Amino acid sequence: MSIFKCKMCGGTLEFAAGDMVAVCDSCGSRQTLPRLDDERRVNLYDRANHFRRNDEFDRAMGIYEQIINEDGTDAEA
């Protein structure tokens, strides 16, 4: 199972397999989860999150747009 961190506080998100929404164990915020059904999408999310954390928002947005173009129903992107 993957480990996701909260976008608000950095805590660990708790969720069951197949869930699309997770709850932070620290602050209680609810967040959508990405659909990670193939290795390419995992790499795209990793790159986008890296850019977002480093305040390179335009570069992150470009990658998120690629994900949305492939799957417009992915709420996380």
PDB file of N, CA and C in Angstrom:
ATOM      1  N   MET A   1       0.836  -1.176   0.000  1.00  0.00           N
ATOM      2  CA  MET A   1       0.000   0.000   0.000  1.00  0.00           C
ATOM      3  C   MET A   1       0.887   1.246   0.000  1.00  0.00           C
ATOM      4  N   SER A   2       0.500   2.238  -0.742  1.00  0.00           N
ATOM      5  CA  SER A   2       1.251   3.479  -0.826  1.00  0.00           C
ATOM      6  C   SER A   2       1.007   4.330   0.409  1.00  0.00           C
ATOM      7  N   ILE A   3       1.967   5.186   0.711  1.00  0.00           N
ATOM      8  CA  ILE A   3       1.819   6.139   1.806  1.00  0.00           C
ATOM      9  C   ILE A   3       1.734   7.523   1.188  1.00  0.00           C
ATOM     10  N   PHE A   4       0.661   8.232   1.530  1.00  0.00           N
ATOM     11  CA  PHE A   4       0.470   9.590   1.043  1.00  0.00           C
ATOM     12  C   PHE A   4       0.539  10.537   2.217  1.00  0.00           C
ATOM     13  N   LYS A   5       1.097  11.713   1.984  1.00  0.00           N
ATOM     14  CA  LYS A   5       1.217  12.732   3.010  1.00  0.00           C
ATOM     15  C   LYS A   5       0.178  13.824   2.798  1.00  0.00           C
ATOM     16  N   CYS A   6      -0.279  14.392   3.889  1.00  0.00           N
ATOM     17  CA  CYS A   6      -1.273  15.462   3.873  1.00  0.00           C
ATOM     18  C   CYS A   6      -0.686  16.713   3.238  1.00  0.00           C
ATOM     19  N   LYS A   7      -1.477  17.362   2.381  1.00  0.00           N
ATOM     20  CA  LYS A   7      -1.031  18.593   1.731  1.00  0.00           C
ATOM     21  C   LYS A   7      -1.077  19.775   2.690  1.00  0.00           C
ATOM     22  N   MET A   8      -1.823  19.642   3.777  1.00  0.00           N
ATOM     23  CA  MET A   8      -1.969  20.736   4.732  1.00  0.00           C
ATOM     24  C   MET A   8      -0.889  20.717   5.813  1.00  0.00           C
ATOM     25  N   CYS A   9      -0.678  19.527   6.423  1.00  0.00           N
ATOM     26  CA  CYS A   9       0.219  19.484   7.580  1.00  0.00           C
ATOM     27  C   CYS A   9       1.382  18.497   7.432  1.00  0.00           C
ATOM     28  N   GLY A  10       1.349  17.627   6.413  1.00  0.00           N
ATOM     29  CA  GLY A  10       2.417  16.647   6.230  1.00  0.00           C
ATOM     30  C   GLY A  10       2.180  15.345   6.965  1.00  0.00           C
ATOM     31  N   GLY A  11       1.030  15.213   7.644  1.00  0.00           N
ATOM     32  CA  GLY A  11       0.699  13.977   8.346  1.00  0.00           C
ATOM     33  C   GLY A  11       0.410  12.857   7.356  1.00  0.00           C
ATOM     34  N   THR A  12       0.214  11.659   7.882  1.00  0.00           N
ATOM     35  CA  THR A  12      -0.062  10.500   7.051  1.00  0.00           C
ATOM     36  C   THR A  12      -1.561  10.414   6.768  1.00  0.00           C
ATOM     37  N   LEU A  13      -1.904  10.158   5.507  1.00  0.00           N
ATOM     38  CA  LEU A  13      -3.304  10.002   5.121  1.00  0.00           C
ATOM     39  C   LEU A  13      -3.714   8.550   5.308  1.00  0.00           C
ATOM     40  N   GLU A  14      -4.875   8.342   5.936  1.00  0.00           N
ATOM     41  CA  GLU A  14      -5.400   7.001   6.160  1.00  0.00           C
ATOM     42  C   GLU A  14      -6.487   6.709   5.140  1.00  0.00           C
ATOM     43  N   PHE A  15      -6.407   5.521   4.512  1.00  0.00           N
ATOM     44  CA  PHE A  15      -7.406   5.124   3.529  1.00  0.00           C
ATOM     45  C   PHE A  15      -7.325   3.625   3.304  1.00  0.00           C
ATOM     46  N   ALA A  16      -8.404   3.072   2.754  1.00  0.00           N
ATOM     47  CA  ALA A  16      -8.453   1.651   2.408  1.00  0.00           C
ATOM     48  C   ALA A  16      -8.216   1.510   0.907  1.00  0.00           C
ATOM     49  N   ALA A  17      -7.854   0.327   0.470  1.00  0.00           N
ATOM     50  CA  ALA A  17      -7.632   0.072  -0.947  1.00  0.00           C
ATOM     51  C   ALA A  17      -8.901   0.399  -1.730  1.00  0.00           C
ATOM     52  N   GLY A  18      -8.736   1.138  -2.819  1.00  0.00           N
ATOM     53  CA  GLY A  18      -9.863   1.514  -3.659  1.00  0.00           C
ATOM     54  C   GLY A  18     -10.517   2.832  -3.284  1.00  0.00           C
ATOM     55  N   ASP A  19     -10.168   3.394  -2.133  1.00  0.00           N
ATOM     56  CA  ASP A  19     -10.736   4.688  -1.731  1.00  0.00           C
ATOM     57  C   ASP A  19     -10.240   5.799  -2.637  1.00  0.00           C
ATOM     58  N   MET A  20     -11.075   6.791  -2.867  1.00  0.00           N
ATOM     59  CA  MET A  20     -10.694   7.964  -3.659  1.00  0.00           C
ATOM     60  C   MET A  20     -10.500   9.192  -2.775  1.00  0.00           C
ATOM     61  N   VAL A  21     -10.853   9.079  -1.484  1.00  0.00           N
ATOM     62  CA  VAL A  21     -10.702  10.171  -0.525  1.00  0.00           C
ATOM     63  C   VAL A  21     -10.038   9.597   0.721  1.00  0.00           C
ATOM     64  N   ALA A  22      -9.100  10.365   1.286  1.00  0.00           N
ATOM     65  CA  ALA A  22      -8.393   9.939   2.492  1.00  0.00           C
ATOM     66  C   ALA A  22      -8.540  10.998   3.570  1.00  0.00           C
ATOM     67  N   VAL A  23      -8.316  10.588   4.823  1.00  0.00           N
ATOM     68  CA  VAL A  23      -8.398  11.498   5.961  1.00  0.00           C
ATOM     69  C   VAL A  23      -7.027  11.543   6.625  1.00  0.00           C
ATOM     70  N   CYS A  24      -6.570  12.761   6.931  1.00  0.00           N
ATOM     71  CA  CYS A  24      -5.270  12.929   7.593  1.00  0.00           C
ATOM     72  C   CYS A  24      -5.378  12.495   9.048  1.00  0.00           C
ATOM     73  N   ASP A  25      -4.418  11.703   9.511  1.00  0.00           N
ATOM     74  CA  ASP A  25      -4.443  11.240  10.895  1.00  0.00           C
ATOM     75  C   ASP A  25      -4.025  12.327  11.879  1.00  0.00           C
ATOM     76  N   SER A  26      -3.457  13.421  11.392  1.00  0.00           N
ATOM     77  CA  SER A  26      -3.021  14.500  12.271  1.00  0.00           C
ATOM     78  C   SER A  26      -4.033  15.642  12.368  1.00  0.00           C
ATOM     79  N   CYS A  27      -4.440  16.188  11.212  1.00  0.00           N
ATOM     80  CA  CYS A  27      -5.312  17.369  11.227  1.00  0.00           C
ATOM     81  C   CYS A  27      -6.754  17.067  10.849  1.00  0.00           C
ATOM     82  N   GLY A  28      -7.037  15.852  10.364  1.00  0.00           N
ATOM     83  CA  GLY A  28      -8.398  15.456  10.040  1.00  0.00           C
ATOM     84  C   GLY A  28      -8.924  15.952   8.701  1.00  0.00           C
ATOM     85  N   SER A  29      -8.088  16.626   7.908  1.00  0.00           N
ATOM     86  CA  SER A  29      -8.572  17.122   6.619  1.00  0.00           C
ATOM     87  C   SER A  29      -8.784  15.950   5.656  1.00  0.00           C
ATOM     88  N   ARG A  30      -9.794  16.112   4.793  1.00  0.00           N
ATOM     89  CA  ARG A  30     -10.117  15.096   3.786  1.00  0.00           C
ATOM     90  C   ARG A  30      -9.535  15.545   2.460  1.00  0.00           C
ATOM     91  N   GLN A  31      -8.889  14.601   1.734  1.00  0.00           N
ATOM     92  CA  GLN A  31      -8.228  14.930   0.480  1.00  0.00           C
ATOM     93  C   GLN A  31      -8.458  13.826  -0.537  1.00  0.00           C
ATOM     94  N   THR A  32      -8.535  14.236  -1.806  1.00  0.00           N
ATOM     95  CA  THR A  32      -8.665  13.253  -2.866  1.00  0.00           C
ATOM     96  C   THR A  32      -7.337  12.520  -3.052  1.00  0.00           C
ATOM     97  N   LEU A  33      -7.428  11.310  -3.571  1.00  0.00           N
ATOM     98  CA  LEU A  33      -6.242  10.504  -3.855  1.00  0.00           C
ATOM     99  C   LEU A  33      -6.067  10.381  -5.361  1.00  0.00           C
ATOM    100  N   PRO A  34      -4.827  10.350  -5.827  1.00  0.00           N
ATOM    101  CA  PRO A  34      -4.607  10.175  -7.263  1.00  0.00           C
ATOM    102  C   PRO A  34      -4.911   8.746  -7.701  1.00  0.00           C
ATOM    103  N   ARG A  35      -5.257   8.593  -8.968  1.00  0.00           N
ATOM    104  CA  ARG A  35      -5.444   7.262  -9.549  1.00  0.00           C
ATOM    105  C   ARG A  35      -4.093   6.805 -10.075  1.00  0.00           C
ATOM    106  N   LEU A  36      -3.517   5.847  -9.432  1.00  0.00           N
ATOM    107  CA  LEU A  36      -2.180   5.377  -9.795  1.00  0.00           C
ATOM    108  C   LEU A  36      -2.270   3.994 -10.408  1.00  0.00           C
ATOM    109  N   ASP A  37      -2.898   3.925 -11.605  1.00  0.00           N
ATOM    110  CA  ASP A  37      -3.109   2.629 -12.214  1.00  0.00           C
ATOM    111  C   ASP A  37      -2.015   2.203 -13.178  1.00  0.00           C
ATOM    112  N   ASP A  38      -1.016   3.042 -13.411  1.00  0.00           N
ATOM    113  CA  ASP A  38       0.126   2.612 -14.213  1.00  0.00           C
ATOM    114  C   ASP A  38       1.375   3.385 -13.803  1.00  0.00           C
ATOM    115  N   GLU A  39       2.524   2.821 -14.147  1.00  0.00           N
ATOM    116  CA  GLU A  39       3.814   3.389 -13.730  1.00  0.00           C
ATOM    117  C   GLU A  39       4.036   4.783 -14.306  1.00  0.00           C
ATOM    118  N   ARG A  40       3.582   5.025 -15.519  1.00  0.00           N
ATOM    119  CA  ARG A  40       3.752   6.334 -16.148  1.00  0.00           C
ATOM    120  C   ARG A  40       3.032   7.413 -15.352  1.00  0.00           C
ATOM    121  N   ARG A  41       1.803   7.122 -14.940  1.00  0.00           N
ATOM    122  CA  ARG A  41       1.039   8.109 -14.160  1.00  0.00           C
ATOM    123  C   ARG A  41       1.698   8.354 -12.799  1.00  0.00           C
ATOM    124  N   VAL A  42       2.221   7.311 -12.176  1.00  0.00           N
ATOM    125  CA  VAL A  42       2.937   7.466 -10.904  1.00  0.00           C
ATOM    126  C   VAL A  42       4.094   8.431 -11.090  1.00  0.00           C
ATOM    127  N   ASN A  43       4.857   8.269 -12.165  1.00  0.00           N
ATOM    128  CA  ASN A  43       5.994   9.153 -12.434  1.00  0.00           C
ATOM    129  C   ASN A  43       5.542  10.585 -12.697  1.00  0.00           C
ATOM    130  N   LEU A  44       4.426  10.756 -13.414  1.00  0.00           N
ATOM    131  CA  LEU A  44       3.908  12.108 -13.660  1.00  0.00           C
ATOM    132  C   LEU A  44       3.527  12.787 -12.349  1.00  0.00           C
ATOM    133  N   TYR A  45       2.828  12.082 -11.478  1.00  0.00           N
ATOM    134  CA  TYR A  45       2.464  12.657 -10.176  1.00  0.00           C
ATOM    135  C   TYR A  45       3.701  12.978  -9.347  1.00  0.00           C
ATOM    136  N   ASP A  46       4.696  12.106  -9.355  1.00  0.00           N
ATOM    137  CA  ASP A  46       5.930  12.368  -8.613  1.00  0.00           C
ATOM    138  C   ASP A  46       6.598  13.652  -9.101  1.00  0.00           C
ATOM    139  N   ARG A  47       6.685  13.803 -10.430  1.00  0.00           N
ATOM    140  CA  ARG A  47       7.314  15.008 -10.993  1.00  0.00           C
ATOM    141  C   ARG A  47       6.507  16.255 -10.644  1.00  0.00           C
ATOM    142  N   ALA A  48       5.184  16.180 -10.820  1.00  0.00           N
ATOM    143  CA  ALA A  48       4.337  17.336 -10.547  1.00  0.00           C
ATOM    144  C   ALA A  48       4.425  17.741  -9.077  1.00  0.00           C
ATOM    145  N   ASN A  49       4.389  16.763  -8.184  1.00  0.00           N
ATOM    146  CA  ASN A  49       4.485  17.075  -6.755  1.00  0.00           C
ATOM    147  C   ASN A  49       5.848  17.648  -6.389  1.00  0.00           C
ATOM    148  N   HIS A  50       6.887  17.160  -7.039  1.00  0.00           N
ATOM    149  CA  HIS A  50       8.230  17.713  -6.808  1.00  0.00           C
ATOM    150  C   HIS A  50       8.258  19.198  -7.177  1.00  0.00           C
ATOM    151  N   PHE A  51       7.752  19.522  -8.356  1.00  0.00           N
ATOM    152  CA  PHE A  51       7.731  20.924  -8.788  1.00  0.00           C
ATOM    153  C   PHE A  51       6.859  21.775  -7.867  1.00  0.00           C
ATOM    154  N   ARG A  52       5.710  21.246  -7.454  1.00  0.00           N
ATOM    155  CA  ARG A  52       4.800  21.989  -6.583  1.00  0.00           C
ATOM    156  C   ARG A  52       5.464  22.282  -5.241  1.00  0.00           C
ATOM    157  N   ARG A  53       6.141  21.302  -4.664  1.00  0.00           N
ATOM    158  CA  ARG A  53       6.811  21.502  -3.374  1.00  0.00           C
ATOM    159  C   ARG A  53       7.969  22.496  -3.476  1.00  0.00           C
ATOM    160  N   ASN A  54       8.558  22.614  -4.672  1.00  0.00           N
ATOM    161  CA  ASN A  54       9.670  23.539  -4.881  1.00  0.00           C
ATOM    162  C   ASN A  54       9.216  24.876  -5.468  1.00  0.00           C
ATOM    163  N   ASP A  55       7.921  25.158  -5.343  1.00  0.00           N
ATOM    164  CA  ASP A  55       7.340  26.434  -5.786  1.00  0.00           C
ATOM    165  C   ASP A  55       7.496  26.691  -7.281  1.00  0.00           C
ATOM    166  N   GLU A  56       7.589  25.638  -8.072  1.00  0.00           N
ATOM    167  CA  GLU A  56       7.630  25.756  -9.529  1.00  0.00           C
ATOM    168  C   GLU A  56       6.243  25.391 -10.061  1.00  0.00           C
ATOM    169  N   PHE A  57       5.284  26.272  -9.777  1.00  0.00           N
ATOM    170  CA  PHE A  57       3.880  25.974 -10.014  1.00  0.00           C
ATOM    171  C   PHE A  57       3.531  25.870 -11.497  1.00  0.00           C
ATOM    172  N   ASP A  58       4.156  26.655 -12.341  1.00  0.00           N
ATOM    173  CA  ASP A  58       3.867  26.566 -13.775  1.00  0.00           C
ATOM    174  C   ASP A  58       4.280  25.208 -14.337  1.00  0.00           C
ATOM    175  N   ARG A  59       5.429  24.710 -13.911  1.00  0.00           N
ATOM    176  CA  ARG A  59       5.879  23.405 -14.388  1.00  0.00           C
ATOM    177  C   ARG A  59       4.971  22.295 -13.857  1.00  0.00           C
ATOM    178  N   ALA A  60       4.578  22.401 -12.586  1.00  0.00           N
ATOM    179  CA  ALA A  60       3.663  21.414 -12.004  1.00  0.00           C
ATOM    180  C   ALA A  60       2.326  21.435 -12.738  1.00  0.00           C
ATOM    181  N   MET A  61       1.812  22.625 -13.026  1.00  0.00           N
ATOM    182  CA  MET A  61       0.531  22.743 -13.710  1.00  0.00           C
ATOM    183  C   MET A  61       0.577  22.065 -15.081  1.00  0.00           C
ATOM    184  N   GLY A  62       1.682  22.209 -15.793  1.00  0.00           N
ATOM    185  CA  GLY A  62       1.817  21.567 -17.097  1.00  0.00           C
ATOM    186  C   GLY A  62       1.699  20.053 -17.005  1.00  0.00           C
ATOM    187  N   ILE A  63       2.287  19.479 -15.968  1.00  0.00           N
ATOM    188  CA  ILE A  63       2.219  18.023 -15.795  1.00  0.00           C
ATOM    189  C   ILE A  63       0.814  17.603 -15.379  1.00  0.00           C
ATOM    190  N   TYR A  64       0.200  18.360 -14.479  1.00  0.00           N
ATOM    191  CA  TYR A  64      -1.181  18.040 -14.093  1.00  0.00           C
ATOM    192  C   TYR A  64      -2.109  18.129 -15.297  1.00  0.00           C
ATOM    193  N   GLU A  65      -1.869  19.069 -16.186  1.00  0.00           N
ATOM    194  CA  GLU A  65      -2.684  19.175 -17.399  1.00  0.00           C
ATOM    195  C   GLU A  65      -2.512  17.947 -18.288  1.00  0.00           C
ATOM    196  N   GLN A  66      -1.297  17.390 -18.344  1.00  0.00           N
ATOM    197  CA  GLN A  66      -1.076  16.149 -19.099  1.00  0.00           C
ATOM    198  C   GLN A  66      -1.926  15.021 -18.517  1.00  0.00           C
ATOM    199  N   ILE A  67      -1.955  14.932 -17.193  1.00  0.00           N
ATOM    200  CA  ILE A  67      -2.735  13.883 -16.531  1.00  0.00           C
ATOM    201  C   ILE A  67      -4.216  14.071 -16.836  1.00  0.00           C
ATOM    202  N   ILE A  68      -4.699  15.300 -16.777  1.00  0.00           N
ATOM    203  CA  ILE A  68      -6.112  15.581 -17.048  1.00  0.00           C
ATOM    204  C   ILE A  68      -6.455  15.267 -18.497  1.00  0.00           C
ATOM    205  N   ASN A  69      -5.553  15.569 -19.427  1.00  0.00           N
ATOM    206  CA  ASN A  69      -5.809  15.244 -20.831  1.00  0.00           C
ATOM    207  C   ASN A  69      -5.949  13.748 -21.059  1.00  0.00           C
ATOM    208  N   GLU A  70      -5.220  12.949 -20.273  1.00  0.00           N
ATOM    209  CA  GLU A  70      -5.312  11.486 -20.385  1.00  0.00           C
ATOM    210  C   GLU A  70      -6.553  10.949 -19.685  1.00  0.00           C
ATOM    211  N   ASP A  71      -6.928  11.572 -18.561  1.00  0.00           N
ATOM    212  CA  ASP A  71      -8.086  11.092 -17.780  1.00  0.00           C
ATOM    213  C   ASP A  71      -8.744  12.282 -17.099  1.00  0.00           C
ATOM    214  N   GLY A  72      -9.769  12.819 -17.745  1.00  0.00           N
ATOM    215  CA  GLY A  72     -10.460  13.999 -17.237  1.00  0.00           C
ATOM    216  C   GLY A  72     -11.279  13.753 -15.985  1.00  0.00           C
ATOM    217  N   THR A  73     -11.366  12.505 -15.533  1.00  0.00           N
ATOM    218  CA  THR A  73     -12.153  12.211 -14.338  1.00  0.00           C
ATOM    219  C   THR A  73     -11.286  12.079 -13.085  1.00  0.00           C
ATOM    220  N   ASP A  74      -9.978  12.289 -13.205  1.00  0.00           N
ATOM    221  CA  ASP A  74      -9.068  12.166 -12.060  1.00  0.00           C
ATOM    222  C   ASP A  74      -9.130  13.442 -11.226  1.00  0.00           C
ATOM    223  N   ALA A  75      -9.850  13.401 -10.110  1.00  0.00           N
ATOM    224  CA  ALA A  75     -10.083  14.592  -9.293  1.00  0.00           C
ATOM    225  C   ALA A  75      -8.797  15.149  -8.690  1.00  0.00           C
ATOM    226  N   GLU A  76      -7.834  14.316  -8.415  1.00  0.00           N
ATOM    227  CA  GLU A  76      -6.576  14.795  -7.811  1.00  0.00           C
ATOM    228  C   GLU A  76      -5.833  15.724  -8.744  1.00  0.00           C
ATOM    229  N   ALA A  77      -5.785  15.421 -10.029  1.00  0.00           N
ATOM    230  CA  ALA A  77      -5.093  16.283 -10.991  1.00  0.00           C
ATOM    231  C   ALA A  77      -5.851  17.582 -11.168  1.00  0.00           C
TER     232      ALA A  77
END
